């Protein structure tokens, strides 16, 4: 029994060994087949590439335009022209009135007894706007006038005594001391009368300060005062009465300090008031020379004609001319390119074979405004400037111009 079992185990081992050997032979065969297939495909690919190259060469011989079209790039061009170049400073400002009056009492603040103006009302220069409490001023005037009348009476009496004394002295009656004393009394009272008269005038002027008048012709833009309130002119909330005269208007703006040397009185300015759909050409009438410490700018003003559609504090857009160059070379700024050597553009020129080719032209630029740039050197006018398709060009490249 043991002998039979041993023979069975030995037979099984021999079968397994034979099976593994057959599997190894099969794997080698598969690898060899795949390598052969790859070599075959490579051979066919090389053959196909050679065939494609051969056909391409034959095609180029038959149709030369096919080869050229693959190499020539399409561009657009424009002639460089001479024109006037202008540079503007674009700023935002506001409309303001030349004559704006913030009404205040001529004397001290006082209680309002009557108001004679309403907001939006047209007023004229010298028109009575308010009446303040003047009871104390009235008393002062009355007392001053009474004092004046008393001195006048005393002076009349003193003059009468002096005249009588003078008559007696001429007849040799009385003493010289009496005459001189009478004369001195007259002179002293005359001086008192003069002083009292001046005091009366002061009291009358003080009485007038209780009447508040308009300083200018215009419109009562603000009337923020009522009977019983104290009128002082200006409060923490703002002016109590504001009169605006719109017969002369101006536009005011703040200009950055770096433009201080480029602007001057008389500089041309184009003004647009968007809300009123108005455009005005004017010139700077005021250019401040002081720099504001907070905004780091200076004030510039330009007068504009009176217009019912324009109101103070409306937004205004200013285009201030700060540089101009007549007869300059001007091109679009977007076609100027840069490299390590500087700025350049691409021009069209003719090659030795008569074909249109690209020329790289170095340029020196000046001021830039909007979409245009001033060319200081490098172009003289009349050149054919590539305006479209200039990206990725190179010197001497053959191009075709799109009309």
Protein backbone atom coordinates (compact mmCIF):
# COMPACT_ATOMS: atom_id res chain seq x y z
CA UNK A 1 0.00 0.00 0.00
CA UNK A 2 2.77 2.42 0.86
CA UNK A 3 4.52 1.57 -2.41
CA UNK A 4 1.41 2.42 -4.45
CA UNK A 5 1.04 5.78 -2.71
CA UNK A 6 4.65 6.74 -3.38
CA UNK A 7 4.27 5.89 -7.07
CA UNK A 8 1.16 8.14 -7.29
CA UNK A 9 2.94 11.11 -5.71
CA UNK A 10 5.89 10.73 -8.03
CA UNK A 11 3.61 10.66 -11.07
CA UNK A 12 1.79 13.83 -9.98
CA UNK A 13 5.09 15.71 -9.53
CA UNK A 14 6.20 14.73 -13.02
CA UNK A 15 2.92 16.00 -14.52
CA UNK A 16 3.22 19.38 -12.73
CA UNK A 17 6.80 19.81 -13.92
CA UNK A 18 5.78 19.04 -17.49
CA UNK A 19 2.90 21.52 -17.29
CA UNK A 20 5.18 24.42 -16.05
CA UNK A 21 7.64 23.76 -18.81
CA UNK A 22 4.93 23.97 -21.46
CA UNK A 23 3.63 27.31 -19.96
CA UNK A 24 7.09 28.92 -20.11
CA UNK A 25 7.45 27.92 -23.76
CA UNK A 26 4.04 29.49 -24.56
CA UNK A 27 4.97 32.90 -22.91
CA UNK A 28 8.16 33.16 -24.94
CA UNK A 29 6.23 32.52 -28.10
CA UNK A 30 3.71 35.30 -27.30
CA UNK A 31 6.51 37.81 -26.59
CA UNK A 32 8.24 36.97 -29.82
CA UNK A 33 4.99 37.39 -31.73
CA UNK A 34 4.34 40.84 -30.24
CA UNK A 35 7.88 42.02 -30.99
CA UNK A 36 7.48 40.89 -34.57
CA UNK A 37 4.16 42.77 -34.82
CA UNK A 38 5.74 45.98 -33.47
CA UNK A 39 8.63 45.77 -35.95
CA UNK A 40 6.12 45.28 -38.75
CA UNK A 41 4.10 48.37 -37.70
CA UNK A 42 7.27 50.47 -37.44
CA UNK A 43 8.25 49.42 -40.90
CA UNK A 44 4.83 50.29 -42.23
CA UNK A 45 4.86 53.71 -40.40
CA UNK A 46 8.24 54.63 -41.85
CA UNK A 47 7.01 53.57 -45.25
CA UNK A 48 3.86 55.71 -44.82
CA UNK A 49 5.85 58.77 -43.70
CA UNK A 50 8.12 58.45 -46.66
CA UNK A 51 5.11 58.15 -48.92
CA UNK A 52 3.51 61.29 -47.35
CA UNK A 53 6.73 63.25 -47.75
CA UNK A 54 7.00 62.14 -51.35
CA UNK A 55 3.41 63.15 -52.07
CA UNK A 56 3.92 66.55 -50.32
CA UNK A 57 6.96 67.27 -52.44
CA UNK A 58 5.10 66.40 -55.60
CA UNK A 59 2.18 68.59 -54.48
CA UNK A 60 4.43 71.59 -53.84
CA UNK A 61 5.91 71.19 -57.31
CA UNK A 62 2.45 71.07 -58.84
CA UNK A 63 0.99 73.94 -56.70
CA UNK A 64 3.57 76.40 -55.31
CA UNK A 65 0.81 78.55 -53.73
CA UNK A 66 0.06 75.75 -51.23
CA UNK A 67 3.57 75.92 -49.74
CA UNK A 68 3.68 79.73 -49.70
CA UNK A 69 0.27 80.02 -48.06
CA UNK A 70 1.45 77.86 -45.19
CA UNK A 71 4.35 80.23 -44.50
CA UNK A 72 2.92 83.73 -45.24
CA UNK A 73 1.11 85.50 -42.35
CA UNK A 74 -1.81 87.86 -42.95
CA UNK A 75 -1.51 91.40 -41.53
CA UNK A 76 -3.23 94.78 -41.83
CA UNK A 77 -1.35 98.03 -42.32
CA UNK A 78 -1.96 101.79 -42.27
CA UNK A 79 0.07 104.75 -43.45
CA UNK A 80 1.79 106.75 -40.68
CA UNK A 81 0.40 110.30 -40.81
CA UNK A 82 1.40 113.66 -39.37
CA UNK A 83 -1.15 115.35 -37.14
CA UNK A 84 -1.52 117.59 -34.09
CA UNK A 85 -1.15 115.75 -30.79
CA UNK A 86 -2.81 117.00 -27.60
CA UNK A 87 -2.56 115.70 -24.06
CA UNK A 88 -5.26 116.44 -21.50
CA UNK A 89 -5.55 116.04 -17.74
CA UNK A 90 -8.92 114.45 -16.98
CA UNK A 91 -10.39 115.55 -13.65
CA UNK A 92 -13.72 115.75 -11.86
CA UNK A 93 -14.93 119.01 -10.33
CA UNK A 94 -18.15 120.83 -9.54
CA UNK A 95 -20.09 123.91 -10.60
CA UNK A 96 -19.95 126.86 -8.22
CA UNK A 97 -21.22 130.42 -8.17
CA UNK A 98 -18.88 133.39 -8.14
CA UNK A 99 -21.12 135.35 -5.79
CA UNK A 100 -22.31 133.35 -2.78
CA UNK A 101 -23.20 135.32 0.33
CA UNK A 102 -23.55 133.81 3.79
CA UNK A 103 -25.65 136.39 5.59
CA UNK A 104 -24.62 137.34 9.11
CA UNK A 105 -25.60 140.13 11.53
CA UNK A 106 -23.61 143.36 11.27
CA UNK A 107 -23.51 143.59 15.04
CA UNK A 108 -23.98 140.95 17.69
CA UNK A 109 -26.29 137.97 17.41
CA UNK A 110 -29.87 138.78 18.26
CA UNK A 111 -33.35 137.36 18.63
CA UNK A 112 -35.38 137.35 15.41
CA UNK A 113 -38.54 139.47 15.49
CA UNK A 114 -39.53 139.16 11.82
CA UNK A 115 -38.49 137.17 8.73
CA UNK A 116 -39.04 138.79 5.33
CA UNK A 117 -37.60 136.09 3.01
CA UNK A 118 -38.41 132.49 2.15
CA UNK A 119 -36.25 129.79 0.59
CA UNK A 120 -36.08 130.00 -3.21
CA UNK A 121 -37.09 133.66 -3.31
CA UNK A 122 -35.27 136.09 -5.61
CA UNK A 123 -33.71 138.90 -3.60
CA UNK A 124 -31.88 142.07 -4.55
CA UNK A 125 -28.85 143.68 -2.99
CA UNK A 126 -29.87 145.78 0.04
CA UNK A 127 -33.22 144.02 0.53
CA UNK A 128 -34.35 143.61 4.16
CA UNK A 129 -34.28 139.94 5.13
CA UNK A 130 -34.64 139.89 8.94
CA UNK A 131 -35.58 142.16 11.79
CA UNK A 132 -33.76 141.50 15.08
CA UNK A 133 -34.71 142.63 18.59
CA UNK A 134 -33.66 146.32 18.82
CA UNK A 135 -35.21 147.43 22.14
CA UNK A 136 -31.84 148.12 23.78
CA UNK A 137 -30.56 149.95 20.70
CA UNK A 138 -33.72 152.09 20.67
CA UNK A 139 -33.11 153.08 24.28
CA UNK A 140 -29.50 153.94 23.53
CA UNK A 141 -30.54 156.14 20.62
CA UNK A 142 -33.18 157.90 22.71
CA UNK A 143 -30.69 158.54 25.53
CA UNK A 144 -28.07 159.83 23.11
CA UNK A 145 -30.50 162.21 21.48
CA UNK A 146 -31.73 163.51 24.82
CA UNK A 147 -28.15 164.14 25.89
CA UNK A 148 -27.52 165.92 22.61
CA UNK A 149 -30.52 168.19 23.06
CA UNK A 150 -29.46 169.03 26.63
CA UNK A 151 -26.00 170.05 25.47
CA UNK A 152 -27.53 172.16 22.70
CA UNK A 153 -29.62 174.03 25.31
CA UNK A 154 -26.59 174.58 27.54
CA UNK A 155 -24.56 175.78 24.58
CA UNK A 156 -27.24 178.26 23.58
CA UNK A 157 -27.32 179.63 27.12
CA UNK A 158 -23.51 179.80 27.29
CA UNK A 159 -23.34 181.65 23.98
CA UNK A 160 -25.90 184.16 25.24
CA UNK A 161 -23.86 184.80 28.42
CA UNK A 162 -20.66 185.10 26.40
CA UNK A 163 -22.27 187.64 24.05
CA UNK A 164 -23.57 189.71 26.97
CA UNK A 165 -20.20 189.61 28.70
CA UNK A 166 -18.53 190.63 25.49
CA UNK A 167 -20.89 193.60 25.08
CA UNK A 168 -20.21 194.76 28.66
CA UNK A 169 -16.47 194.38 28.13
CA UNK A 170 -16.67 196.57 25.06
CA UNK A 171 -18.26 199.27 27.21
CA UNK A 172 -15.58 198.88 29.86
CA UNK A 173 -17.80 197.05 32.29
CA UNK A 174 -16.69 193.78 33.91
CA UNK A 175 -13.35 192.03 33.95
CA UNK A 176 -11.35 190.23 31.28
CA UNK A 177 -11.43 187.07 33.39
CA UNK A 178 -15.23 186.98 33.17
CA UNK A 179 -15.05 187.35 29.38
CA UNK A 180 -12.48 184.57 29.00
CA UNK A 181 -14.44 182.28 31.32
CA UNK A 182 -17.62 182.79 29.29
CA UNK A 183 -15.75 182.06 26.08
CA UNK A 184 -14.24 178.86 27.53
CA UNK A 185 -17.69 177.67 28.57
CA UNK A 186 -18.92 178.08 25.00
CA UNK A 187 -15.96 176.19 23.53
CA UNK A 188 -16.27 173.36 26.07
CA UNK A 189 -19.97 172.91 25.32
CA UNK A 190 -19.27 172.96 21.57
CA UNK A 191 -16.82 170.12 22.06
CA UNK A 192 -19.35 168.24 24.16
CA UNK A 193 -21.97 168.80 21.48
CA UNK A 194 -19.67 167.37 18.83
CA UNK A 195 -18.90 164.30 20.97
CA UNK A 196 -22.57 163.79 21.77
CA UNK A 197 -23.41 164.02 18.09
CA UNK A 198 -20.89 161.31 17.27
CA UNK A 199 -22.25 159.12 20.07
CA UNK A 200 -25.75 159.59 18.69
CA UNK A 201 -24.57 158.51 15.24
CA UNK A 202 -22.99 155.40 16.75
CA UNK A 203 -26.23 154.58 18.56
CA UNK A 204 -28.19 155.03 15.32
CA UNK A 205 -25.77 152.73 13.44
CA UNK A 206 -26.11 150.16 16.18
CA UNK A 207 -29.87 150.39 15.80
CA UNK A 208 -29.50 149.72 12.07
CA UNK A 209 -27.61 146.48 12.78
CA UNK A 210 -30.90 145.03 13.97
CA UNK A 211 -31.94 145.07 10.30
CA UNK A 212 -30.33 142.27 8.25
CA UNK A 213 -29.95 143.02 4.52
CA UNK A 214 -28.83 140.99 1.50
CA UNK A 215 -25.31 141.71 0.29
CA UNK A 216 -25.89 140.51 -3.29
CA UNK A 217 -28.56 139.94 -5.91
CA UNK A 218 -29.53 136.30 -6.15
CA UNK A 219 -31.70 133.52 -4.83
CA UNK A 220 -32.24 132.62 -1.17
CA UNK A 221 -30.77 129.11 -1.40
CA UNK A 222 -30.97 128.48 2.37
CA UNK A 223 -33.32 130.12 4.89
CA UNK A 224 -32.93 128.20 8.14
CA UNK A 225 -34.19 130.71 10.72
CA UNK A 226 -37.54 131.38 12.42
CA UNK A 227 -39.04 134.11 14.56
CA UNK A 228 -37.87 133.78 18.16
CA UNK A 229 -34.61 132.03 17.30
CA UNK A 230 -31.20 133.64 17.69
CA UNK A 231 -29.65 134.76 14.43
CA UNK A 232 -25.87 134.51 14.39
CA UNK A 233 -25.22 133.80 10.69
CA UNK A 234 -23.28 130.54 10.88
CA UNK A 235 -23.97 127.58 13.16
CA UNK A 236 -22.62 124.04 13.50
CA UNK A 237 -25.41 122.93 11.15
CA UNK A 238 -24.29 125.43 8.51
CA UNK A 239 -25.38 128.90 7.34
CA UNK A 240 -28.75 130.21 8.47
CA UNK A 241 -29.25 132.28 5.31
CA UNK A 242 -27.37 131.69 2.04
CA UNK A 243 -27.84 133.85 -1.05
CA UNK A 244 -26.56 132.48 -4.37
CA UNK A 245 -26.01 134.61 -7.45
CA UNK A 246 -25.87 132.38 -10.54
CA UNK A 247 -25.29 135.19 -13.03
CA UNK A 248 -21.60 134.28 -13.03
CA UNK A 249 -20.61 130.62 -12.65
CA UNK A 250 -17.35 128.72 -12.47
CA UNK A 251 -16.11 125.15 -12.30
CA UNK A 252 -13.76 124.26 -9.46
CA UNK A 253 -11.49 121.20 -9.23
CA UNK A 254 -8.52 119.91 -7.26
CA UNK A 255 -5.45 119.09 -9.40
CA UNK A 256 -2.77 116.62 -8.22
CA UNK A 257 0.43 118.40 -7.22
CA UNK A 258 2.57 116.69 -9.90
CA UNK A 259 0.79 118.83 -12.54
CA UNK A 260 1.65 122.13 -10.84
CA UNK A 261 4.30 123.12 -13.40
CA UNK A 262 2.18 122.00 -16.38
CA UNK A 263 -0.84 124.22 -15.79
CA UNK A 264 -1.10 127.99 -15.82
CA UNK A 265 -3.69 130.70 -15.93
CA UNK A 266 -5.20 130.64 -19.42
CA UNK A 267 -4.78 126.89 -20.04
CA UNK A 268 -7.58 125.64 -22.30
CA UNK A 269 -10.14 123.42 -20.62
CA UNK A 270 -13.07 121.48 -22.07
CA UNK A 271 -15.89 121.16 -19.54
CA UNK A 272 -18.73 118.65 -19.59
CA UNK A 273 -21.69 118.78 -17.19
CA UNK A 274 -23.27 115.31 -17.65
CA UNK A 275 -26.50 115.94 -15.72
CA UNK A 276 -27.30 119.02 -17.80
CA UNK A 277 -25.92 117.56 -21.05
CA UNK A 278 -23.79 120.69 -21.51
CA UNK A 279 -20.31 121.15 -23.00
CA UNK A 280 -18.31 124.36 -22.64
CA UNK A 281 -14.82 125.38 -23.76
CA UNK A 282 -13.16 127.79 -21.36
CA UNK A 283 -9.77 128.58 -19.83
CA UNK A 284 -8.37 128.47 -16.33
CA UNK A 285 -9.00 131.74 -14.52
CA UNK A 286 -7.42 130.68 -11.21
CA UNK A 287 -4.48 128.34 -10.57
CA UNK A 288 -3.59 128.16 -6.91
CA UNK A 289 0.10 127.91 -6.03
CA UNK A 290 -0.51 126.43 -2.59
CA UNK A 291 -0.65 122.65 -2.09
CA UNK A 292 -3.39 121.32 0.18
CA UNK A 293 -1.77 119.22 2.90
CA UNK A 294 -4.67 116.78 3.06
CA UNK A 295 -5.51 116.20 -0.62
CA UNK A 296 -1.98 116.90 -1.95
CA UNK A 297 -3.40 119.02 -4.74
CA UNK A 298 -4.08 122.61 -5.73
CA UNK A 299 -7.26 124.43 -6.76
CA UNK A 300 -8.01 125.37 -10.36
CA UNK A 301 -11.05 127.33 -11.56
CA UNK A 302 -12.58 128.09 -14.95
CA UNK A 303 -15.45 130.51 -15.59
CA UNK A 304 -18.50 129.31 -17.53
CA UNK A 305 -21.51 131.23 -18.91
CA UNK A 306 -24.65 131.55 -16.83
CA UNK A 307 -27.27 128.95 -17.67
CA UNK A 308 -30.59 128.20 -15.94
CA UNK A 309 -29.85 124.49 -16.32
CA UNK A 310 -26.66 124.76 -14.26
CA UNK A 311 -26.75 124.73 -10.49
CA UNK A 312 -24.01 125.04 -7.86
CA UNK A 313 -22.42 121.72 -6.82
CA UNK A 314 -23.36 119.92 -10.05
CA UNK A 315 -20.71 117.42 -11.13
CA UNK A 316 -18.42 118.60 -13.94
CA UNK A 317 -15.79 116.71 -15.96
CA UNK A 318 -12.73 118.76 -16.95
CA UNK A 319 -10.28 118.01 -19.77
CA UNK A 320 -7.42 120.45 -19.21
CA UNK A 321 -4.95 120.84 -22.08
CA UNK A 322 -1.46 120.60 -20.57
CA UNK A 323 0.60 119.61 -23.65
CA UNK A 324 0.31 120.01 -27.42
CA UNK A 325 2.62 119.13 -30.31
CA UNK A 326 1.60 120.41 -33.76
CA UNK A 327 2.74 118.30 -36.72
CA UNK A 328 3.59 115.23 -34.64
CA UNK A 329 3.82 111.58 -35.61
CA UNK A 330 0.93 109.85 -33.83
CA UNK A 331 0.18 106.12 -33.86
CA UNK A 332 -2.03 103.76 -31.81
CA UNK A 333 -0.37 103.02 -28.49
CA UNK A 334 -1.35 99.33 -28.49
CA UNK A 335 0.92 98.43 -31.43
CA UNK A 336 4.08 99.70 -29.71
CA UNK A 337 6.01 96.71 -28.32
CA UNK A 338 8.96 96.40 -25.99
CA UNK A 339 12.04 94.21 -25.65
CA UNK A 340 15.40 94.45 -23.90
CA UNK A 341 16.57 97.10 -26.38
CA UNK A 342 13.55 99.44 -26.00
CA UNK A 343 10.35 100.27 -27.85
CA UNK A 344 9.68 99.17 -31.43
CA UNK A 345 7.01 98.74 -34.11
CA UNK A 346 6.75 96.61 -37.24
CA UNK A 347 6.70 98.17 -40.71
CA UNK A 348 6.12 96.78 -44.18
CA UNK A 349 8.95 96.89 -46.71
CA UNK A 350 9.99 95.15 -49.94
CA UNK A 351 12.54 92.34 -49.85
CA UNK A 352 15.25 91.73 -52.46
CA UNK A 353 12.94 89.29 -54.21
CA UNK A 354 10.11 91.85 -54.34
CA UNK A 355 8.05 90.18 -51.64
CA UNK A 356 6.43 92.13 -48.77
CA UNK A 357 8.42 91.52 -45.60
CA UNK A 358 8.48 92.77 -42.01
CA UNK A 359 10.90 95.43 -40.77
CA UNK A 360 11.46 95.99 -37.05
CA UNK A 361 11.73 99.74 -36.35
CA UNK A 362 12.97 101.12 -33.02
CA UNK A 363 11.02 104.20 -31.84
CA UNK A 364 11.19 106.78 -29.06
CA UNK A 365 7.81 107.69 -27.57
CA UNK A 366 6.56 110.93 -26.01
CA UNK A 367 3.23 111.63 -24.34
CA UNK A 368 0.38 109.13 -24.29
CA UNK A 369 -3.29 110.15 -24.27
CA UNK A 370 -6.25 107.86 -24.85
CA UNK A 371 -5.47 105.31 -27.58
CA UNK A 372 -2.67 107.34 -29.18
CA UNK A 373 1.02 107.92 -28.49
CA UNK A 374 3.36 110.61 -29.77
CA UNK A 375 6.47 109.29 -31.57
CA UNK A 376 9.51 111.47 -30.95
CA UNK A 377 11.98 109.54 -33.12
CA UNK A 378 12.03 106.50 -35.42
CA UNK A 379 9.14 107.44 -37.72
CA UNK A 380 8.80 110.42 -40.06
CA UNK A 381 5.41 109.79 -41.65
CA UNK A 382 4.45 107.88 -44.78
CA UNK A 383 5.67 104.49 -43.55
CA UNK A 384 3.41 101.45 -43.76
CA UNK A 385 2.72 100.51 -40.16
CA UNK A 386 1.45 97.03 -39.30
CA UNK A 387 -1.65 97.57 -37.19
CA UNK A 388 -3.13 94.05 -37.02
CA UNK A 389 -1.45 90.67 -36.88
CA UNK A 390 1.76 92.17 -35.48
CA UNK A 391 1.96 89.59 -32.71
CA UNK A 392 4.78 87.01 -33.05
CA UNK A 393 6.28 88.62 -36.17
CA UNK A 394 10.02 88.73 -36.82
CA UNK A 395 12.43 90.74 -38.94
CA UNK A 396 12.32 89.72 -42.60
CA UNK A 397 9.20 87.57 -42.31
CA UNK A 398 7.14 87.38 -45.50
CA UNK A 399 3.59 88.66 -44.97
CA UNK A 400 0.47 89.29 -46.98
CA UNK A 401 -1.50 92.52 -46.47
CA UNK A 402 -5.25 92.27 -46.06
CA UNK A 403 -6.96 95.12 -47.88
